[in-house]
Amino acid sequence: MPKTIISTKDAPAAIGPYSQATRAGNLVFCSGQIPIDPKTGELVAGGIEAQTKQALANLGEVLRAAGASWPDVVRTTIWLVDLGDFAVVNRIYGEVVGAEPPARVTIQVSALPKGAAVEIDAIAHV
């Protein structure tokens, strides 16, 4: 089954040799999104709350470019530099994914690209 590269200017451009997302059959694999403002190319200010909202907004735009939306998401991964931020991230994430959330993994890591505090990826079924 061939893959299709998904790209949108409404989310930050890839900062390495990867695609924003790829589609294979009915599955969309979204690369991790960090809280970069796609208009400025800079990490958003405002702490973990602002960063989480921006990462989710970026991911939402990639999903939209793939013809998907949050109800189509079946799995996410959240990487946090500080698990102490879990409650804030969890609250904001819950507001976005809704009443039927996807399966999820949350992992603490030592660092993320560009000094981000959070990164989120997704797999969707369309």
PDB file of N, CA and C in Angstrom:
ATOM      1  N   MET A   1       0.850  -1.166   0.000  1.00  0.00           N
ATOM      2  CA  MET A   1       0.000   0.000   0.000  1.00  0.00           C
ATOM      3  C   MET A   1       0.900   1.234   0.000  1.00  0.00           C
ATOM      4  N   PRO A   2       0.706   2.141  -0.949  1.00  0.00           N
ATOM      5  CA  PRO A   2       1.549   3.333  -1.021  1.00  0.00           C
ATOM      6  C   PRO A   2       1.226   4.310   0.105  1.00  0.00           C
ATOM      7  N   LYS A   3       2.208   5.103   0.460  1.00  0.00           N
ATOM      8  CA  LYS A   3       1.965   6.133   1.467  1.00  0.00           C
ATOM      9  C   LYS A   3       1.828   7.487   0.788  1.00  0.00           C
ATOM     10  N   THR A   4       1.095   8.359   1.437  1.00  0.00           N
ATOM     11  CA  THR A   4       0.902   9.723   0.968  1.00  0.00           C
ATOM     12  C   THR A   4       1.469  10.658   2.018  1.00  0.00           C
ATOM     13  N   ILE A   5       2.266  11.613   1.588  1.00  0.00           N
ATOM     14  CA  ILE A   5       2.840  12.604   2.502  1.00  0.00           C
ATOM     15  C   ILE A   5       1.801  13.700   2.731  1.00  0.00           C
ATOM     16  N   ILE A   6       1.600  14.059   3.991  1.00  0.00           N
ATOM     17  CA  ILE A   6       0.661  15.113   4.375  1.00  0.00           C
ATOM     18  C   ILE A   6       1.475  16.322   4.833  1.00  0.00           C
ATOM     19  N   SER A   7       1.102  17.493   4.335  1.00  0.00           N
ATOM     20  CA  SER A   7       1.808  18.708   4.711  1.00  0.00           C
ATOM     21  C   SER A   7       0.832  19.877   4.706  1.00  0.00           C
ATOM     22  N   THR A   8       0.997  20.774   5.663  1.00  0.00           N
ATOM     23  CA  THR A   8       0.184  21.984   5.728  1.00  0.00           C
ATOM     24  C   THR A   8       1.028  23.145   6.227  1.00  0.00           C
ATOM     25  N   LYS A   9       0.756  24.316   5.701  1.00  0.00           N
ATOM     26  CA  LYS A   9       1.428  25.527   6.168  1.00  0.00           C
ATOM     27  C   LYS A   9       0.795  26.051   7.450  1.00  0.00           C
ATOM     28  N   ASP A  10      -0.327  25.444   7.875  1.00  0.00           N
ATOM     29  CA  ASP A  10      -1.012  25.864   9.092  1.00  0.00           C
ATOM     30  C   ASP A  10      -0.420  25.240  10.352  1.00  0.00           C
ATOM     31  N   ALA A  11       0.617  24.422  10.174  1.00  0.00           N
ATOM     32  CA  ALA A  11       1.370  23.843  11.285  1.00  0.00           C
ATOM     33  C   ALA A  11       2.848  24.071  10.978  1.00  0.00           C
ATOM     34  N   PRO A  12       3.695  24.038  12.003  1.00  0.00           N
ATOM     35  CA  PRO A  12       5.117  24.275  11.752  1.00  0.00           C
ATOM     36  C   PRO A  12       5.703  23.265  10.771  1.00  0.00           C
ATOM     37  N   ALA A  13       6.593  23.753   9.926  1.00  0.00           N
ATOM     38  CA  ALA A  13       7.303  22.870   9.007  1.00  0.00           C
ATOM     39  C   ALA A  13       8.181  21.911   9.811  1.00  0.00           C
ATOM     40  N   ALA A  14       8.424  20.756   9.255  1.00  0.00           N
ATOM     41  CA  ALA A  14       9.306  19.786   9.904  1.00  0.00           C
ATOM     42  C   ALA A  14      10.683  20.416  10.098  1.00  0.00           C
ATOM     43  N   ILE A  15      11.300  20.130  11.241  1.00  0.00           N
ATOM     44  CA  ILE A  15      12.630  20.673  11.518  1.00  0.00           C
ATOM     45  C   ILE A  15      13.706  19.605  11.329  1.00  0.00           C
ATOM     46  N   GLY A  16      13.371  18.585  10.574  1.00  0.00           N
ATOM     47  CA  GLY A  16      14.305  17.499  10.288  1.00  0.00           C
ATOM     48  C   GLY A  16      13.798  16.703   9.101  1.00  0.00           C
ATOM     49  N   PRO A  17      14.424  15.568   8.832  1.00  0.00           N
ATOM     50  CA  PRO A  17      14.024  14.749   7.691  1.00  0.00           C
ATOM     51  C   PRO A  17      12.822  13.854   8.015  1.00  0.00           C
ATOM     52  N   TYR A  18      11.669  14.486   8.164  1.00  0.00           N
ATOM     53  CA  TYR A  18      10.421  13.759   8.416  1.00  0.00           C
ATOM     54  C   TYR A  18       9.255  14.571   7.869  1.00  0.00           C
ATOM     55  N   SER A  19       8.122  13.924   7.715  1.00  0.00           N
ATOM     56  CA  SER A  19       6.909  14.574   7.231  1.00  0.00           C
ATOM     57  C   SER A  19       6.032  14.952   8.413  1.00  0.00           C
ATOM     58  N   GLN A  20       5.185  15.950   8.240  1.00  0.00           N
ATOM     59  CA  GLN A  20       4.232  16.291   9.287  1.00  0.00           C
ATOM     60  C   GLN A  20       3.330  15.095   9.565  1.00  0.00           C
ATOM     61  N   ALA A  21       2.973  14.377   8.503  1.00  0.00           N
ATOM     62  CA  ALA A  21       2.182  13.155   8.648  1.00  0.00           C
ATOM     63  C   ALA A  21       2.312  12.339   7.368  1.00  0.00           C
ATOM     64  N   THR A  22       2.006  11.063   7.483  1.00  0.00           N
ATOM     65  CA  THR A  22       1.888  10.195   6.318  1.00  0.00           C
ATOM     66  C   THR A  22       0.586   9.424   6.443  1.00  0.00           C
ATOM     67  N   ARG A  23       0.010   9.136   5.280  1.00  0.00           N
ATOM     68  CA  ARG A  23      -1.208   8.338   5.261  1.00  0.00           C
ATOM     69  C   ARG A  23      -0.917   7.056   4.511  1.00  0.00           C
ATOM     70  N   ALA A  24      -1.328   5.942   5.096  1.00  0.00           N
ATOM     71  CA  ALA A  24      -1.222   4.637   4.454  1.00  0.00           C
ATOM     72  C   ALA A  24      -2.572   3.966   4.617  1.00  0.00           C
ATOM     73  N   GLY A  25      -3.279   3.789   3.517  1.00  0.00           N
ATOM     74  CA  GLY A  25      -4.624   3.237   3.599  1.00  0.00           C
ATOM     75  C   GLY A  25      -5.515   4.146   4.418  1.00  0.00           C
ATOM     76  N   ASN A  26      -6.161   3.594   5.428  1.00  0.00           N
ATOM     77  CA  ASN A  26      -7.061   4.368   6.285  1.00  0.00           C
ATOM     78  C   ASN A  26      -6.396   4.915   7.537  1.00  0.00           C
ATOM     79  N   LEU A  27      -5.075   4.782   7.632  1.00  0.00           N
ATOM     80  CA  LEU A  27      -4.367   5.260   8.814  1.00  0.00           C
ATOM     81  C   LEU A  27      -3.539   6.496   8.509  1.00  0.00           C
ATOM     82  N   VAL A  28      -3.584   7.451   9.424  1.00  0.00           N
ATOM     83  CA  VAL A  28      -2.783   8.661   9.340  1.00  0.00           C
ATOM     84  C   VAL A  28      -1.841   8.670  10.543  1.00  0.00           C
ATOM     85  N   PHE A  29      -0.560   8.761  10.259  1.00  0.00           N
ATOM     86  CA  PHE A  29       0.469   8.784  11.298  1.00  0.00           C
ATOM     87  C   PHE A  29       1.034  10.197  11.364  1.00  0.00           C
ATOM     88  N   CYS A  30       0.700  10.923  12.434  1.00  0.00           N
ATOM     89  CA  CYS A  30       1.140  12.303  12.604  1.00  0.00           C
ATOM     90  C   CYS A  30       2.418  12.348  13.426  1.00  0.00           C
ATOM     91  N   SER A  31       3.407  13.045  12.916  1.00  0.00           N
ATOM     92  CA  SER A  31       4.638  13.250  13.670  1.00  0.00           C
ATOM     93  C   SER A  31       4.346  14.090  14.906  1.00  0.00           C
ATOM     94  N   GLY A  32       5.231  14.001  15.874  1.00  0.00           N
ATOM     95  CA  GLY A  32       5.069  14.796  17.084  1.00  0.00           C
ATOM     96  C   GLY A  32       5.092  16.280  16.785  1.00  0.00           C
ATOM     97  N   GLN A  33       4.214  16.992  17.447  1.00  0.00           N
ATOM     98  CA  GLN A  33       4.155  18.446  17.315  1.00  0.00           C
ATOM     99  C   GLN A  33       4.595  19.088  18.618  1.00  0.00           C
ATOM    100  N   ILE A  34       5.528  20.015  18.483  1.00  0.00           N
ATOM    101  CA  ILE A  34       5.941  20.811  19.636  1.00  0.00           C
ATOM    102  C   ILE A  34       5.279  22.180  19.514  1.00  0.00           C
ATOM    103  N   PRO A  35       5.318  22.980  20.563  1.00  0.00           N
ATOM    104  CA  PRO A  35       4.571  24.237  20.581  1.00  0.00           C
ATOM    105  C   PRO A  35       5.237  25.392  19.835  1.00  0.00           C
ATOM    106  N   ILE A  36       5.447  25.192  18.550  1.00  0.00           N
ATOM    107  CA  ILE A  36       5.987  26.262  17.709  1.00  0.00           C
ATOM    108  C   ILE A  36       4.823  26.983  17.042  1.00  0.00           C
ATOM    109  N   ASP A  37       4.862  28.299  17.083  1.00  0.00           N
ATOM    110  CA  ASP A  37       3.872  29.100  16.371  1.00  0.00           C
ATOM    111  C   ASP A  37       4.204  28.993  14.886  1.00  0.00           C
ATOM    112  N   PRO A  38       3.290  28.463  14.064  1.00  0.00           N
ATOM    113  CA  PRO A  38       3.616  28.287  12.651  1.00  0.00           C
ATOM    114  C   PRO A  38       3.837  29.600  11.896  1.00  0.00           C
ATOM    115  N   LYS A  39       3.342  30.705  12.428  1.00  0.00           N
ATOM    116  CA  LYS A  39       3.518  32.002  11.764  1.00  0.00           C
ATOM    117  C   LYS A  39       4.900  32.584  12.019  1.00  0.00           C
ATOM    118  N   THR A  40       5.434  32.349  13.225  1.00  0.00           N
ATOM    119  CA  THR A  40       6.730  32.946  13.575  1.00  0.00           C
ATOM    120  C   THR A  40       7.874  31.942  13.543  1.00  0.00           C
ATOM    121  N   GLY A  41       7.547  30.668  13.657  1.00  0.00           N
ATOM    122  CA  GLY A  41       8.593  29.649  13.730  1.00  0.00           C
ATOM    123  C   GLY A  41       9.263  29.578  15.083  1.00  0.00           C
ATOM    124  N   GLU A  42       8.693  30.271  16.057  1.00  0.00           N
ATOM    125  CA  GLU A  42       9.277  30.326  17.403  1.00  0.00           C
ATOM    126  C   GLU A  42       8.424  29.558  18.403  1.00  0.00           C
ATOM    127  N   LEU A  43       9.070  29.067  19.445  1.00  0.00           N
ATOM    128  CA  LEU A  43       8.377  28.422  20.554  1.00  0.00           C
ATOM    129  C   LEU A  43       7.477  29.455  21.230  1.00  0.00           C
ATOM    130  N   VAL A  44       6.235  29.066  21.551  1.00  0.00           N
ATOM    131  CA  VAL A  44       5.328  30.017  22.192  1.00  0.00           C
ATOM    132  C   VAL A  44       5.748  30.268  23.637  1.00  0.00           C
ATOM    133  N   ALA A  45       5.480  31.468  24.110  1.00  0.00           N
ATOM    134  CA  ALA A  45       5.735  31.830  25.503  1.00  0.00           C
ATOM    135  C   ALA A  45       4.490  31.497  26.316  1.00  0.00           C
ATOM    136  N   GLY A  46       4.634  31.446  27.635  1.00  0.00           N
ATOM    137  CA  GLY A  46       3.465  31.287  28.485  1.00  0.00           C
ATOM    138  C   GLY A  46       3.428  30.006  29.276  1.00  0.00           C
ATOM    139  N   GLY A  47       4.501  29.246  29.289  1.00  0.00           N
ATOM    140  CA  GLY A  47       4.552  28.059  30.134  1.00  0.00           C
ATOM    141  C   GLY A  47       3.835  26.863  29.548  1.00  0.00           C
ATOM    142  N   ILE A  48       3.637  25.858  30.395  1.00  0.00           N
ATOM    143  CA  ILE A  48       3.112  24.571  29.944  1.00  0.00           C
ATOM    144  C   ILE A  48       1.693  24.681  29.394  1.00  0.00           C
ATOM    145  N   GLU A  49       0.868  25.552  29.926  1.00  0.00           N
ATOM    146  CA  GLU A  49      -0.494  25.681  29.423  1.00  0.00           C
ATOM    147  C   GLU A  49      -0.493  26.175  27.978  1.00  0.00           C
ATOM    148  N   ALA A  50       0.215  27.247  27.723  1.00  0.00           N
ATOM    149  CA  ALA A  50       0.293  27.794  26.363  1.00  0.00           C
ATOM    150  C   ALA A  50       0.966  26.807  25.421  1.00  0.00           C
ATOM    151  N   GLN A  51       1.997  26.138  25.898  1.00  0.00           N
ATOM    152  CA  GLN A  51       2.701  25.179  25.048  1.00  0.00           C
ATOM    153  C   GLN A  51       1.816  23.988  24.694  1.00  0.00           C
ATOM    154  N   THR A  52       1.053  23.503  25.645  1.00  0.00           N
ATOM    155  CA  THR A  52       0.162  22.369  25.376  1.00  0.00           C
ATOM    156  C   THR A  52      -0.910  22.765  24.368  1.00  0.00           C
ATOM    157  N   LYS A  53      -1.510  23.924  24.546  1.00  0.00           N
ATOM    158  CA  LYS A  53      -2.534  24.393  23.612  1.00  0.00           C
ATOM    159  C   LYS A  53      -1.978  24.526  22.203  1.00  0.00           C
ATOM    160  N   GLN A  54      -0.755  25.043  22.080  1.00  0.00           N
ATOM    161  CA  GLN A  54      -0.167  25.224  20.752  1.00  0.00           C
ATOM    162  C   GLN A  54       0.183  23.886  20.110  1.00  0.00           C
ATOM    163  N   ALA A  55       0.746  22.961  20.888  1.00  0.00           N
ATOM    164  CA  ALA A  55       1.075  21.638  20.337  1.00  0.00           C
ATOM    165  C   ALA A  55      -0.192  20.941  19.842  1.00  0.00           C
ATOM    166  N   LEU A  56      -1.267  21.022  20.607  1.00  0.00           N
ATOM    167  CA  LEU A  56      -2.537  20.406  20.202  1.00  0.00           C
ATOM    168  C   LEU A  56      -3.132  21.117  18.988  1.00  0.00           C
ATOM    169  N   ALA A  57      -3.022  22.439  18.930  1.00  0.00           N
ATOM    170  CA  ALA A  57      -3.520  23.184  17.768  1.00  0.00           C
ATOM    171  C   ALA A  57      -2.739  22.778  16.518  1.00  0.00           C
ATOM    172  N   ASN A  58      -1.420  22.670  16.640  1.00  0.00           N
ATOM    173  CA  ASN A  58      -0.599  22.258  15.507  1.00  0.00           C
ATOM    174  C   ASN A  58      -0.994  20.862  15.036  1.00  0.00           C
ATOM    175  N   LEU A  59      -1.173  19.966  15.981  1.00  0.00           N
ATOM    176  CA  LEU A  59      -1.557  18.605  15.646  1.00  0.00           C
ATOM    177  C   LEU A  59      -2.942  18.586  14.989  1.00  0.00           C
ATOM    178  N   GLY A  60      -3.849  19.405  15.473  1.00  0.00           N
ATOM    179  CA  GLY A  60      -5.176  19.506  14.873  1.00  0.00           C
ATOM    180  C   GLY A  60      -5.112  19.959  13.424  1.00  0.00           C
ATOM    181  N   GLU A  61      -4.215  20.876  13.119  1.00  0.00           N
ATOM    182  CA  GLU A  61      -4.060  21.338  11.736  1.00  0.00           C
ATOM    183  C   GLU A  61      -3.499  20.241  10.840  1.00  0.00           C
ATOM    184  N   VAL A  62      -2.566  19.465  11.352  1.00  0.00           N
ATOM    185  CA  VAL A  62      -2.020  18.350  10.576  1.00  0.00           C
ATOM    186  C   VAL A  62      -3.118  17.318  10.327  1.00  0.00           C
ATOM    187  N   LEU A  63      -3.901  17.015  11.345  1.00  0.00           N
ATOM    188  CA  LEU A  63      -5.018  16.086  11.169  1.00  0.00           C
ATOM    189  C   LEU A  63      -5.980  16.603  10.100  1.00  0.00           C
ATOM    190  N   ARG A  64      -6.292  17.882  10.168  1.00  0.00           N
ATOM    191  CA  ARG A  64      -7.224  18.473   9.200  1.00  0.00           C
ATOM    192  C   ARG A  64      -6.679  18.361   7.777  1.00  0.00           C
ATOM    193  N   ALA A  65      -5.379  18.599   7.626  1.00  0.00           N
ATOM    194  CA  ALA A  65      -4.761  18.490   6.300  1.00  0.00           C
ATOM    195  C   ALA A  65      -4.843  17.062   5.762  1.00  0.00           C
ATOM    196  N   ALA A  66      -4.925  16.100   6.675  1.00  0.00           N
ATOM    197  CA  ALA A  66      -5.021  14.691   6.285  1.00  0.00           C
ATOM    198  C   ALA A  66      -6.466  14.242   6.090  1.00  0.00           C
ATOM    199  N   GLY A  67      -7.419  15.151   6.295  1.00  0.00           N
ATOM    200  CA  GLY A  67      -8.826  14.784   6.172  1.00  0.00           C
ATOM    201  C   GLY A  67      -9.364  14.110   7.410  1.00  0.00           C
ATOM    202  N   ALA A  68      -8.713  14.353   8.544  1.00  0.00           N
ATOM    203  CA  ALA A  68      -9.109  13.735   9.811  1.00  0.00           C
ATOM    204  C   ALA A  68      -9.412  14.831  10.830  1.00  0.00           C
ATOM    205  N   SER A  69      -9.928  14.409  11.979  1.00  0.00           N
ATOM    206  CA  SER A  69     -10.167  15.320  13.094  1.00  0.00           C
ATOM    207  C   SER A  69      -9.986  14.528  14.391  1.00  0.00           C
ATOM    208  N   TRP A  70     -10.102  15.203  15.509  1.00  0.00           N
ATOM    209  CA  TRP A  70      -9.847  14.550  16.798  1.00  0.00           C
ATOM    210  C   TRP A  70     -10.700  13.299  17.040  1.00  0.00           C
ATOM    211  N   PRO A  71     -11.971  13.255  16.646  1.00  0.00           N
ATOM    212  CA  PRO A  71     -12.727  12.017  16.858  1.00  0.00           C
ATOM    213  C   PRO A  71     -12.160  10.809  16.088  1.00  0.00           C
ATOM    214  N   ASP A  72     -11.344  11.064  15.069  1.00  0.00           N
ATOM    215  CA  ASP A  72     -10.727   9.986  14.290  1.00  0.00           C
ATOM    216  C   ASP A  72      -9.451   9.440  14.935  1.00  0.00           C
ATOM    217  N   VAL A  73      -8.928  10.139  15.922  1.00  0.00           N
ATOM    218  CA  VAL A  73      -7.655   9.750  16.529  1.00  0.00           C
ATOM    219  C   VAL A  73      -7.857   8.520  17.417  1.00  0.00           C
ATOM    220  N   VAL A  74      -7.013   7.516  17.188  1.00  0.00           N
ATOM    221  CA  VAL A  74      -7.108   6.271  17.951  1.00  0.00           C
ATOM    222  C   VAL A  74      -5.969   6.108  18.960  1.00  0.00           C
ATOM    223  N   ARG A  75      -4.886   6.872  18.806  1.00  0.00           N
ATOM    224  CA  ARG A  75      -3.747   6.733  19.723  1.00  0.00           C
ATOM    225  C   ARG A  75      -2.928   8.006  19.712  1.00  0.00           C
ATOM    226  N   THR A  76      -2.494   8.437  20.875  1.00  0.00           N
ATOM    227  CA  THR A  76      -1.573   9.568  20.994  1.00  0.00           C
ATOM    228  C   THR A  76      -0.435   9.199  21.926  1.00  0.00           C
ATOM    229  N   THR A  77       0.634   9.955  21.794  1.00  0.00           N
ATOM    230  CA  THR A  77       1.736   9.881  22.750  1.00  0.00           C
ATOM    231  C   THR A  77       2.045  11.310  23.162  1.00  0.00           C
ATOM    232  N   ILE A  78       2.220  11.502  24.455  1.00  0.00           N
ATOM    233  CA  ILE A  78       2.600  12.807  24.990  1.00  0.00           C
ATOM    234  C   ILE A  78       3.960  12.650  25.663  1.00  0.00           C
ATOM    235  N   TRP A  79       4.897  13.490  25.255  1.00  0.00           N
ATOM    236  CA  TRP A  79       6.201  13.535  25.908  1.00  0.00           C
ATOM    237  C   TRP A  79       6.266  14.807  26.728  1.00  0.00           C
ATOM    238  N   LEU A  80       6.622  14.674  27.994  1.00  0.00           N
ATOM    239  CA  LEU A  80       6.753  15.817  28.903  1.00  0.00           C
ATOM    240  C   LEU A  80       8.166  15.860  29.470  1.00  0.00           C
ATOM    241  N   VAL A  81       8.711  17.051  29.554  1.00  0.00           N
ATOM    242  CA  VAL A  81      10.006  17.216  30.195  1.00  0.00           C
ATOM    243  C   VAL A  81       9.847  17.105  31.710  1.00  0.00           C
ATOM    244  N   ASP A  82       8.670  17.463  32.216  1.00  0.00           N
ATOM    245  CA  ASP A  82       8.414  17.413  33.659  1.00  0.00           C
ATOM    246  C   ASP A  82       7.043  16.779  33.909  1.00  0.00           C
ATOM    247  N   LEU A  83       7.021  15.596  34.481  1.00  0.00           N
ATOM    248  CA  LEU A  83       5.747  14.945  34.787  1.00  0.00           C
ATOM    249  C   LEU A  83       4.938  15.728  35.820  1.00  0.00           C
ATOM    250  N   GLY A  84       5.555  16.679  36.469  1.00  0.00           N
ATOM    251  CA  GLY A  84       4.826  17.572  37.353  1.00  0.00           C
ATOM    252  C   GLY A  84       3.802  18.411  36.602  1.00  0.00           C
ATOM    253  N   ASP A  85       3.964  18.512  35.272  1.00  0.00           N
ATOM    254  CA  ASP A  85       3.019  19.249  34.429  1.00  0.00           C
ATOM    255  C   ASP A  85       1.838  18.383  33.993  1.00  0.00           C
ATOM    256  N   PHE A  86       1.817  17.126  34.410  1.00  0.00           N
ATOM    257  CA  PHE A  86       0.823  16.165  33.934  1.00  0.00           C
ATOM    258  C   PHE A  86      -0.614  16.655  34.122  1.00  0.00           C
ATOM    259  N   ALA A  87      -0.956  17.186  35.280  1.00  0.00           N
ATOM    260  CA  ALA A  87      -2.343  17.590  35.554  1.00  0.00           C
ATOM    261  C   ALA A  87      -2.795  18.694  34.603  1.00  0.00           C
ATOM    262  N   VAL A  88      -1.945  19.671  34.360  1.00  0.00           N
ATOM    263  CA  VAL A  88      -2.295  20.773  33.462  1.00  0.00           C
ATOM    264  C   VAL A  88      -2.461  20.251  32.037  1.00  0.00           C
ATOM    265  N   VAL A  89      -1.500  19.461  31.580  1.00  0.00           N
ATOM    266  CA  VAL A  89      -1.556  18.904  30.227  1.00  0.00           C
ATOM    267  C   VAL A  89      -2.788  18.015  30.078  1.00  0.00           C
ATOM    268  N   ASN A  90      -3.035  17.189  31.064  1.00  0.00           N
ATOM    269  CA  ASN A  90      -4.169  16.270  31.028  1.00  0.00           C
ATOM    270  C   ASN A  90      -5.497  17.021  30.901  1.00  0.00           C
ATOM    271  N   ARG A  91      -5.642  18.130  31.643  1.00  0.00           N
ATOM    272  CA  ARG A  91      -6.867  18.934  31.589  1.00  0.00           C
ATOM    273  C   ARG A  91      -7.075  19.514  30.192  1.00  0.00           C
ATOM    274  N   ILE A  92      -6.052  20.133  29.652  1.00  0.00           N
ATOM    275  CA  ILE A  92      -6.163  20.764  28.337  1.00  0.00           C
ATOM    276  C   ILE A  92      -6.385  19.708  27.258  1.00  0.00           C
ATOM    277  N   TYR A  93      -5.645  18.630  27.327  1.00  0.00           N
ATOM    278  CA  TYR A  93      -5.777  17.519  26.373  1.00  0.00           C
ATOM    279  C   TYR A  93      -7.211  16.987  26.405  1.00  0.00           C
ATOM    280  N   GLY A  94      -7.762  16.796  27.596  1.00  0.00           N
ATOM    281  CA  GLY A  94      -9.126  16.287  27.737  1.00  0.00           C
ATOM    282  C   GLY A  94     -10.154  17.202  27.107  1.00  0.00           C
ATOM    283  N   GLU A  95      -9.944  18.511  27.193  1.00  0.00           N
ATOM    284  CA  GLU A  95     -10.853  19.469  26.578  1.00  0.00           C
ATOM    285  C   GLU A  95     -10.832  19.344  25.055  1.00  0.00           C
ATOM    286  N   VAL A  96      -9.688  18.982  24.485  1.00  0.00           N
ATOM    287  CA  VAL A  96      -9.552  18.883  23.033  1.00  0.00           C
ATOM    288  C   VAL A  96     -10.069  17.548  22.505  1.00  0.00           C
ATOM    289  N   VAL A  97      -9.728  16.448  23.159  1.00  0.00           N
ATOM    290  CA  VAL A  97     -10.077  15.127  22.607  1.00  0.00           C
ATOM    291  C   VAL A  97     -11.508  14.720  22.900  1.00  0.00           C
ATOM    292  N   GLY A  98     -12.136  15.321  23.880  1.00  0.00           N
ATOM    293  CA  GLY A  98     -13.555  15.085  24.117  1.00  0.00           C
ATOM    294  C   GLY A  98     -13.888  13.862  24.943  1.00  0.00           C
ATOM    295  N   ALA A  99     -15.156  13.447  24.840  1.00  0.00           N
ATOM    296  CA  ALA A  99     -15.722  12.410  25.705  1.00  0.00           C
ATOM    297  C   ALA A  99     -15.273  10.998  25.355  1.00  0.00           C
ATOM    298  N   GLU A 100     -14.771  10.795  24.138  1.00  0.00           N
ATOM    299  CA  GLU A 100     -14.300   9.471  23.730  1.00  0.00           C
ATOM    300  C   GLU A 100     -12.823   9.564  23.358  1.00  0.00           C
ATOM    301  N   PRO A 101     -11.972   9.709  24.362  1.00  0.00           N
ATOM    302  CA  PRO A 101     -10.554   9.935  24.085  1.00  0.00           C
ATOM    303  C   PRO A 101      -9.870   8.700  23.490  1.00  0.00           C
ATOM    304  N   PRO A 102      -8.803   8.948  22.726  1.00  0.00           N
ATOM    305  CA  PRO A 102      -8.044   7.835  22.171  1.00  0.00           C
ATOM    306  C   PRO A 102      -7.192   7.160  23.242  1.00  0.00           C
ATOM    307  N   ALA A 103      -6.639   6.015  22.894  1.00  0.00           N
ATOM    308  CA  ALA A 103      -5.624   5.402  23.752  1.00  0.00           C
ATOM    309  C   ALA A 103      -4.439   6.369  23.811  1.00  0.00           C
ATOM    310  N   ARG A 104      -3.674   6.311  24.906  1.00  0.00           N
ATOM    311  CA  ARG A 104      -2.602   7.293  25.071  1.00  0.00           C
ATOM    312  C   ARG A 104      -1.478   6.743  25.923  1.00  0.00           C
ATOM    313  N   VAL A 105      -0.292   7.229  25.634  1.00  0.00           N
ATOM    314  CA  VAL A 105       0.883   6.997  26.467  1.00  0.00           C
ATOM    315  C   VAL A 105       1.442   8.363  26.823  1.00  0.00           C
ATOM    316  N   THR A 106       1.868   8.537  28.070  1.00  0.00           N
ATOM    317  CA  THR A 106       2.545   9.766  28.491  1.00  0.00           C
ATOM    318  C   THR A 106       3.889   9.375  29.074  1.00  0.00           C
ATOM    319  N   ILE A 107       4.936  10.034  28.599  1.00  0.00           N
ATOM    320  CA  ILE A 107       6.299   9.679  28.967  1.00  0.00           C
ATOM    321  C   ILE A 107       7.051  10.931  29.382  1.00  0.00           C
ATOM    322  N   GLN A 108       7.864  10.817  30.432  1.00  0.00           N
ATOM    323  CA  GLN A 108       8.759  11.916  30.779  1.00  0.00           C
ATOM    324  C   GLN A 108      10.084  11.692  30.079  1.00  0.00           C
ATOM    325  N   VAL A 109      10.610  12.775  29.491  1.00  0.00           N
ATOM    326  CA  VAL A 109      11.884  12.722  28.783  1.00  0.00           C
ATOM    327  C   VAL A 109      12.815  13.796  29.339  1.00  0.00           C
ATOM    328  N   SER A 110      14.083  13.680  29.053  1.00  0.00           N
ATOM    329  CA  SER A 110      15.042  14.647  29.593  1.00  0.00           C
ATOM    330  C   SER A 110      15.042  15.967  28.819  1.00  0.00           C
ATOM    331  N   ALA A 111      14.692  15.930  27.536  1.00  0.00           N
ATOM    332  CA  ALA A 111      14.676  17.151  26.737  1.00  0.00           C
ATOM    333  C   ALA A 111      13.867  16.913  25.469  1.00  0.00           C
ATOM    334  N   LEU A 112      13.388  18.016  24.885  1.00  0.00           N
ATOM    335  CA  LEU A 112      12.662  17.979  23.613  1.00  0.00           C
ATOM    336  C   LEU A 112      13.256  19.034  22.687  1.00  0.00           C
ATOM    337  N   PRO A 113      13.020  18.907  21.377  1.00  0.00           N
ATOM    338  CA  PRO A 113      13.579  19.880  20.433  1.00  0.00           C
ATOM    339  C   PRO A 113      13.200  21.317  20.778  1.00  0.00           C
ATOM    340  N   LYS A 114      14.139  22.209  20.534  1.00  0.00           N
ATOM    341  CA  LYS A 114      13.949  23.660  20.710  1.00  0.00           C
ATOM    342  C   LYS A 114      13.624  24.070  22.141  1.00  0.00           C
ATOM    343  N   GLY A 115      13.845  23.178  23.104  1.00  0.00           N
ATOM    344  CA  GLY A 115      13.558  23.509  24.494  1.00  0.00           C
ATOM    345  C   GLY A 115      12.093  23.419  24.866  1.00  0.00           C
ATOM    346  N   ALA A 116      11.290  22.748  24.052  1.00  0.00           N
ATOM    347  CA  ALA A 116       9.860  22.599  24.341  1.00  0.00           C
ATOM    348  C   ALA A 116       9.657  21.798  25.618  1.00  0.00           C
ATOM    349  N   ALA A 117       8.532  22.057  26.282  1.00  0.00           N
ATOM    350  CA  ALA A 117       8.172  21.322  27.497  1.00  0.00           C
ATOM    351  C   ALA A 117       7.273  20.135  27.189  1.00  0.00           C
ATOM    352  N   VAL A 118       6.666  20.111  25.971  1.00  0.00           N
ATOM    353  CA  VAL A 118       5.714  19.061  25.613  1.00  0.00           C
ATOM    354  C   VAL A 118       5.790  18.793  24.105  1.00  0.00           C
ATOM    355  N   GLU A 119       5.557  17.544  23.746  1.00  0.00           N
ATOM    356  CA  GLU A 119       5.415  17.134  22.345  1.00  0.00           C
ATOM    357  C   GLU A 119       4.306  16.092  22.298  1.00  0.00           C
ATOM    358  N   ILE A 120       3.479  16.163  21.252  1.00  0.00           N
ATOM    359  CA  ILE A 120       2.334  15.233  21.143  1.00  0.00           C
ATOM    360  C   ILE A 120       2.250  14.737  19.713  1.00  0.00           C
ATOM    361  N   ASP A 121       2.060  13.415  19.552  1.00  0.00           N
ATOM    362  CA  ASP A 121       1.826  12.839  18.231  1.00  0.00           C
ATOM    363  C   ASP A 121       0.488  12.116  18.231  1.00  0.00           C
ATOM    364  N   ALA A 122       0.077  11.628  17.053  1.00  0.00           N
ATOM    365  CA  ALA A 122      -1.218  10.951  16.952  1.00  0.00           C
ATOM    366  C   ALA A 122      -1.244   9.970  15.794  1.00  0.00           C
ATOM    367  N   ILE A 123      -2.102   8.978  15.943  1.00  0.00           N
ATOM    368  CA  ILE A 123      -2.467   8.073  14.855  1.00  0.00           C
ATOM    369  C   ILE A 123      -3.982   8.161  14.729  1.00  0.00           C
ATOM    370  N   ALA A 124      -4.438   8.359  13.498  1.00  0.00           N
ATOM    371  CA  ALA A 124      -5.879   8.481  13.261  1.00  0.00           C
ATOM    372  C   ALA A 124      -6.331   7.438  12.241  1.00  0.00           C
ATOM    373  N   HIS A 125      -7.591   7.062  12.340  1.00  0.00           N
ATOM    374  CA  HIS A 125      -8.223   6.149  11.374  1.00  0.00           C
ATOM    375  C   HIS A 125      -9.280   6.947  10.636  1.00  0.00           C
ATOM    376  N   VAL A 126      -9.151   7.023   9.308  1.00  0.00           N
ATOM    377  CA  VAL A 126     -10.090   7.802   8.510  1.00  0.00           C
ATOM    378  C   VAL A 126     -10.757   6.935   7.456  1.00  0.00           C
TER     379      VAL A 126
END
